[in-house]
Amino acid sequence: MEFQGAGGDQAPRPISPYPQDQDQVSVMQDKVDQLALAMFESIRSLPDPAADPSFAPEFVVSAGQSDAQQQHGQQWIDAVAALSARVVAEARALDNMIETLPGMDKTEAQQLQELKELGEESAALALQLRGRTAEAAAAADAADKVLDHLSSTLLVAPQNT
């Protein structure tokens, strides 16, 4: 995994594998989907002995087998190895993504404390926003009253021509 320096007293952080235009949840869902697809493809690609009773792969390629049996056995071994490698690669990619999630280096208690602090900060900001909204509404009402007064004054004022 690649790391980037955080500077100062902070430890280096892994370089984020998340594309700039996607959020972490979407990327994580894509990785889980890719892992599930790799697993499904692996299972789907395996022959079903119940459907084909003549199928009896030789898992060990030995000298006593015919060339066709050895070739079939080696193809079977290669196919299983390739499918397994794909599942392992997708699982590793998912693990690497999980390692880069913020807060993964913290204990559960630290994560809960951070969530509590973020909730409190959010509540304070929401309260501040409601206050600013009320101030803006009061300013808009005051401006409306001034405009109404000016409009009515100009309409009733004698016009000098």
C-alpha atoms as a PDB file:
ATOM      1  CA  MET A   1       0.000   0.000   0.000  1.00  0.00           C
ATOM      2  CA  GLU A   2       1.271   3.462  -0.812  1.00  0.00           C
ATOM      3  CA  PHE A   3       1.569   6.148   1.830  1.00  0.00           C
ATOM      4  CA  GLN A   4       1.634   9.905   1.749  1.00  0.00           C
ATOM      5  CA  GLY A   5       3.245  12.093   4.365  1.00  0.00           C
ATOM      6  CA  ALA A   6       0.792  13.924   6.568  1.00  0.00           C
ATOM      7  CA  GLY A   7       3.343  16.480   7.718  1.00  0.00           C
ATOM      8  CA  GLY A   8       3.928  17.733  11.223  1.00  0.00           C
ATOM      9  CA  ASP A   9       3.495  15.246  14.043  1.00  0.00           C
ATOM     10  CA  GLN A  10       0.905  13.166  12.208  1.00  0.00           C
ATOM     11  CA  ALA A  11       1.680   9.674  10.981  1.00  0.00           C
ATOM     12  CA  PRO A  12       1.660   9.043   7.229  1.00  0.00           C
ATOM     13  CA  ARG A  13      -1.734   8.099   5.843  1.00  0.00           C
ATOM     14  CA  PRO A  14      -2.412   5.579   3.078  1.00  0.00           C
ATOM     15  CA  ILE A  15      -3.052   7.214  -0.283  1.00  0.00           C
ATOM     16  CA  SER A  16      -6.777   7.058  -0.837  1.00  0.00           C
ATOM     17  CA  PRO A  17      -7.857   4.634  -3.565  1.00  0.00           C
ATOM     18  CA  TYR A  18     -11.166   6.481  -3.877  1.00  0.00           C
ATOM     19  CA  PRO A  19     -11.796   8.332  -7.132  1.00  0.00           C
ATOM     20  CA  GLN A  20     -12.252  12.079  -6.673  1.00  0.00           C
ATOM     21  CA  ASP A  21     -15.754  12.026  -8.143  1.00  0.00           C
ATOM     22  CA  GLN A  22     -17.131   9.158  -6.018  1.00  0.00           C
ATOM     23  CA  ASP A  23     -17.890   8.989  -2.351  1.00  0.00           C
ATOM     24  CA  GLN A  24     -16.360   6.270  -0.184  1.00  0.00           C
ATOM     25  CA  VAL A  25     -19.630   4.398   0.309  1.00  0.00           C
ATOM     26  CA  SER A  26     -20.221   4.057  -3.450  1.00  0.00           C
ATOM     27  CA  VAL A  27     -16.672   2.855  -4.049  1.00  0.00           C
ATOM     28  CA  MET A  28     -16.951   0.388  -1.155  1.00  0.00           C
ATOM     29  CA  GLN A  29     -20.250  -0.931  -2.538  1.00  0.00           C
ATOM     30  CA  ASP A  30     -18.605  -1.388  -5.943  1.00  0.00           C
ATOM     31  CA  LYS A  31     -15.763  -3.374  -4.347  1.00  0.00           C
ATOM     32  CA  VAL A  32     -18.215  -5.604  -2.462  1.00  0.00           C
ATOM     33  CA  ASP A  33     -20.130  -6.130  -5.714  1.00  0.00           C
ATOM     34  CA  GLN A  34     -16.899  -7.058  -7.515  1.00  0.00           C
ATOM     35  CA  LEU A  35     -16.002  -9.549  -4.786  1.00  0.00           C
ATOM     36  CA  ALA A  36     -19.477 -11.095  -4.898  1.00  0.00           C
ATOM     37  CA  LEU A  37     -19.301 -11.293  -8.698  1.00  0.00           C
ATOM     38  CA  ALA A  38     -15.884 -12.974  -8.557  1.00  0.00           C
ATOM     39  CA  MET A  39     -17.220 -15.512  -6.073  1.00  0.00           C
ATOM     40  CA  PHE A  40     -20.353 -16.111  -8.165  1.00  0.00           C
ATOM     41  CA  GLU A  41     -18.311 -16.520 -11.359  1.00  0.00           C
ATOM     42  CA  SER A  42     -16.039 -18.984  -9.568  1.00  0.00           C
ATOM     43  CA  ILE A  43     -18.936 -21.110  -8.382  1.00  0.00           C
ATOM     44  CA  ARG A  44     -20.803 -20.837 -11.701  1.00  0.00           C
ATOM     45  CA  SER A  45     -17.705 -21.919 -13.643  1.00  0.00           C
ATOM     46  CA  LEU A  46     -17.269 -25.111 -11.676  1.00  0.00           C
ATOM     47  CA  PRO A  47     -18.770 -28.156 -13.350  1.00  0.00           C
ATOM     48  CA  ASP A  48     -21.681 -29.807 -11.621  1.00  0.00           C
ATOM     49  CA  PRO A  49     -21.044 -33.546 -11.181  1.00  0.00           C
ATOM     50  CA  ALA A  50     -24.781 -34.060 -10.584  1.00  0.00           C
ATOM     51  CA  ALA A  51     -25.605 -32.563 -13.988  1.00  0.00           C
ATOM     52  CA  ASP A  52     -22.804 -34.461 -15.767  1.00  0.00           C
ATOM     53  CA  PRO A  53     -22.243 -37.864 -14.132  1.00  0.00           C
ATOM     54  CA  SER A  54     -19.391 -38.596 -16.544  1.00  0.00           C
ATOM     55  CA  PHE A  55     -17.422 -35.704 -15.057  1.00  0.00           C
ATOM     56  CA  ALA A  56     -14.734 -36.998 -12.739  1.00  0.00           C
ATOM     57  CA  PRO A  57     -11.788 -34.602 -12.834  1.00  0.00           C
ATOM     58  CA  GLU A  58      -8.447 -35.879 -11.810  1.00  0.00           C
ATOM     59  CA  PHE A  59      -7.209 -33.332  -9.313  1.00  0.00           C
ATOM     60  CA  VAL A  60      -3.742 -34.809  -9.359  1.00  0.00           C
ATOM     61  CA  VAL A  61      -1.921 -35.015 -12.642  1.00  0.00           C
ATOM     62  CA  SER A  62       0.134 -38.167 -12.521  1.00  0.00           C
ATOM     63  CA  ALA A  63       2.299 -40.154 -14.882  1.00  0.00           C
ATOM     64  CA  GLY A  64      -0.184 -43.052 -14.999  1.00  0.00           C
ATOM     65  CA  GLN A  65      -2.839 -40.987 -16.757  1.00  0.00           C
ATOM     66  CA  SER A  66      -3.415 -40.646 -20.460  1.00  0.00           C
ATOM     67  CA  ASP A  67      -2.415 -37.402 -22.135  1.00  0.00           C
ATOM     68  CA  ALA A  68      -6.073 -36.384 -22.401  1.00  0.00           C
ATOM     69  CA  GLN A  69      -6.610 -37.066 -18.680  1.00  0.00           C
ATOM     70  CA  GLN A  70      -3.474 -35.131 -17.769  1.00  0.00           C
ATOM     71  CA  GLN A  71      -4.498 -32.226 -19.995  1.00  0.00           C
ATOM     72  CA  HIS A  72      -8.035 -32.225 -18.571  1.00  0.00           C
ATOM     73  CA  GLY A  73      -6.701 -32.426 -15.032  1.00  0.00           C
ATOM     74  CA  GLN A  74      -4.245 -29.587 -15.644  1.00  0.00           C
ATOM     75  CA  GLN A  75      -6.970 -27.449 -17.209  1.00  0.00           C
ATOM     76  CA  TRP A  76      -9.112 -28.104 -14.140  1.00  0.00           C
ATOM     77  CA  ILE A  77      -6.275 -27.165 -11.798  1.00  0.00           C
ATOM     78  CA  ASP A  78      -5.504 -24.008 -13.819  1.00  0.00           C
ATOM     79  CA  ALA A  79      -9.168 -22.953 -13.899  1.00  0.00           C
ATOM     80  CA  VAL A  80      -9.588 -23.427 -10.151  1.00  0.00           C
ATOM     81  CA  ALA A  81      -6.337 -21.556  -9.490  1.00  0.00           C
ATOM     82  CA  ALA A  82      -7.371 -18.634 -11.728  1.00  0.00           C
ATOM     83  CA  LEU A  83     -10.821 -18.381 -10.160  1.00  0.00           C
ATOM     84  CA  SER A  84      -9.355 -18.584  -6.670  1.00  0.00           C
ATOM     85  CA  ALA A  85      -6.770 -15.925  -7.497  1.00  0.00           C
ATOM     86  CA  ARG A  86      -9.507 -13.573  -8.703  1.00  0.00           C
ATOM     87  CA  VAL A  87     -11.544 -14.034  -5.514  1.00  0.00           C
ATOM     88  CA  VAL A  88      -8.436 -13.486  -3.380  1.00  0.00           C
ATOM     89  CA  ALA A  89      -7.477 -10.375  -5.392  1.00  0.00           C
ATOM     90  CA  GLU A  90     -10.952  -8.871  -5.005  1.00  0.00           C
ATOM     91  CA  ALA A  91     -10.954  -9.643  -1.273  1.00  0.00           C
ATOM     92  CA  ARG A  92      -7.539  -7.985  -0.883  1.00  0.00           C
ATOM     93  CA  ALA A  93      -8.703  -4.928  -2.813  1.00  0.00           C
ATOM     94  CA  LEU A  94     -11.702  -4.670  -0.499  1.00  0.00           C
ATOM     95  CA  ASP A  95      -9.471  -5.059   2.572  1.00  0.00           C
ATOM     96  CA  ASN A  96      -7.182  -2.309   1.259  1.00  0.00           C
ATOM     97  CA  MET A  97     -10.169  -0.011   0.790  1.00  0.00           C
ATOM     98  CA  ILE A  98     -11.353  -0.720   4.323  1.00  0.00           C
ATOM     99  CA  GLU A  99      -7.888   0.117   5.708  1.00  0.00           C
ATOM    100  CA  THR A 100      -8.124   3.610   4.217  1.00  0.00           C
ATOM    101  CA  LEU A 101     -11.465   4.432   5.822  1.00  0.00           C
ATOM    102  CA  PRO A 102     -11.169   7.276   8.298  1.00  0.00           C
ATOM    103  CA  GLY A 103     -11.216   6.149  11.907  1.00  0.00           C
ATOM    104  CA  MET A 104     -10.130   2.563  11.298  1.00  0.00           C
ATOM    105  CA  ASP A 105      -7.102   3.178  13.519  1.00  0.00           C
ATOM    106  CA  LYS A 106      -9.349   4.129  16.451  1.00  0.00           C
ATOM    107  CA  THR A 107     -10.971   1.953  19.067  1.00  0.00           C
ATOM    108  CA  GLU A 108     -14.733   1.558  19.189  1.00  0.00           C
ATOM    109  CA  ALA A 109     -14.885   3.887  22.213  1.00  0.00           C
ATOM    110  CA  GLN A 110     -12.891   6.542  20.327  1.00  0.00           C
ATOM    111  CA  GLN A 111     -15.150   6.205  17.299  1.00  0.00           C
ATOM    112  CA  LEU A 112     -18.261   6.546  19.471  1.00  0.00           C
ATOM    113  CA  GLN A 113     -16.777   9.617  21.165  1.00  0.00           C
ATOM    114  CA  GLU A 114     -16.015  11.150  17.773  1.00  0.00           C
ATOM    115  CA  LEU A 115     -19.585  10.429  16.620  1.00  0.00           C
ATOM    116  CA  LYS A 116     -20.914  12.074  19.789  1.00  0.00           C
ATOM    117  CA  GLU A 117     -18.721  15.144  19.215  1.00  0.00           C
ATOM    118  CA  LEU A 118     -19.790  15.347  15.575  1.00  0.00           C
ATOM    119  CA  GLY A 119     -23.435  15.090  16.628  1.00  0.00           C
ATOM    120  CA  GLU A 120     -22.985  17.891  19.147  1.00  0.00           C
ATOM    121  CA  GLU A 121     -21.192  20.022  16.546  1.00  0.00           C
ATOM    122  CA  SER A 122     -23.980  19.345  14.053  1.00  0.00           C
ATOM    123  CA  ALA A 123     -26.636  20.323  16.604  1.00  0.00           C
ATOM    124  CA  ALA A 124     -24.763  23.547  17.414  1.00  0.00           C
ATOM    125  CA  LEU A 125     -24.443  24.403  13.726  1.00  0.00           C
ATOM    126  CA  ALA A 126     -28.139  23.646  13.159  1.00  0.00           C
ATOM    127  CA  LEU A 127     -29.041  25.972  16.044  1.00  0.00           C
ATOM    128  CA  GLN A 128     -26.764  28.659  14.621  1.00  0.00           C
ATOM    129  CA  LEU A 129     -28.345  28.189  11.183  1.00  0.00           C
ATOM    130  CA  ARG A 130     -31.846  28.540  12.638  1.00  0.00           C
ATOM    131  CA  GLY A 131     -30.718  31.761  14.368  1.00  0.00           C
ATOM    132  CA  ARG A 132     -29.251  33.139  11.135  1.00  0.00           C
ATOM    133  CA  THR A 133     -32.412  32.185   9.280  1.00  0.00           C
ATOM    134  CA  ALA A 134     -34.524  34.044  11.824  1.00  0.00           C
ATOM    135  CA  GLU A 135     -32.219  37.081  11.526  1.00  0.00           C
ATOM    136  CA  ALA A 136     -32.482  36.968   7.739  1.00  0.00           C
ATOM    137  CA  ALA A 137     -36.290  36.734   7.938  1.00  0.00           C
ATOM    138  CA  ALA A 138     -36.404  39.706  10.323  1.00  0.00           C
ATOM    139  CA  ALA A 139     -34.119  41.718   8.012  1.00  0.00           C
ATOM    140  CA  ALA A 140     -36.300  40.809   5.020  1.00  0.00           C
ATOM    141  CA  ASP A 141     -39.438  41.925   6.932  1.00  0.00           C
ATOM    142  CA  ALA A 142     -37.757  45.205   7.872  1.00  0.00           C
ATOM    143  CA  ALA A 143     -36.713  45.780   4.268  1.00  0.00           C
ATOM    144  CA  ASP A 144     -40.279  45.050   3.093  1.00  0.00           C
ATOM    145  CA  LYS A 145     -41.646  47.606   5.562  1.00  0.00           C
ATOM    146  CA  VAL A 146     -39.165  50.243   4.403  1.00  0.00           C
ATOM    147  CA  LEU A 147     -40.005  49.539   0.766  1.00  0.00           C
ATOM    148  CA  ASP A 148     -43.741  49.661   1.515  1.00  0.00           C
ATOM    149  CA  HIS A 149     -43.279  53.010   3.296  1.00  0.00           C
ATOM    150  CA  LEU A 150     -41.181  54.424   0.453  1.00  0.00           C
ATOM    151  CA  SER A 151     -43.629  53.195  -2.154  1.00  0.00           C
ATOM    152  CA  SER A 152     -46.644  54.640  -0.365  1.00  0.00           C
ATOM    153  CA  THR A 153     -44.802  57.944   0.270  1.00  0.00           C
ATOM    154  CA  LEU A 154     -43.808  58.309  -3.349  1.00  0.00           C
ATOM    155  CA  LEU A 155     -47.290  57.455  -4.570  1.00  0.00           C
ATOM    156  CA  VAL A 156     -49.019  60.090  -2.410  1.00  0.00           C
ATOM    157  CA  ALA A 157     -46.345  62.803  -2.739  1.00  0.00           C
ATOM    158  CA  PRO A 158     -47.242  65.661  -5.092  1.00  0.00           C
ATOM    159  CA  GLN A 159     -45.324  65.565  -8.269  1.00  0.00           C
ATOM    160  CA  ASN A 160     -43.483  68.739  -9.258  1.00  0.00           C
ATOM    161  CA  THR A 161     -43.517  69.153 -12.990  1.00  0.00           C
END
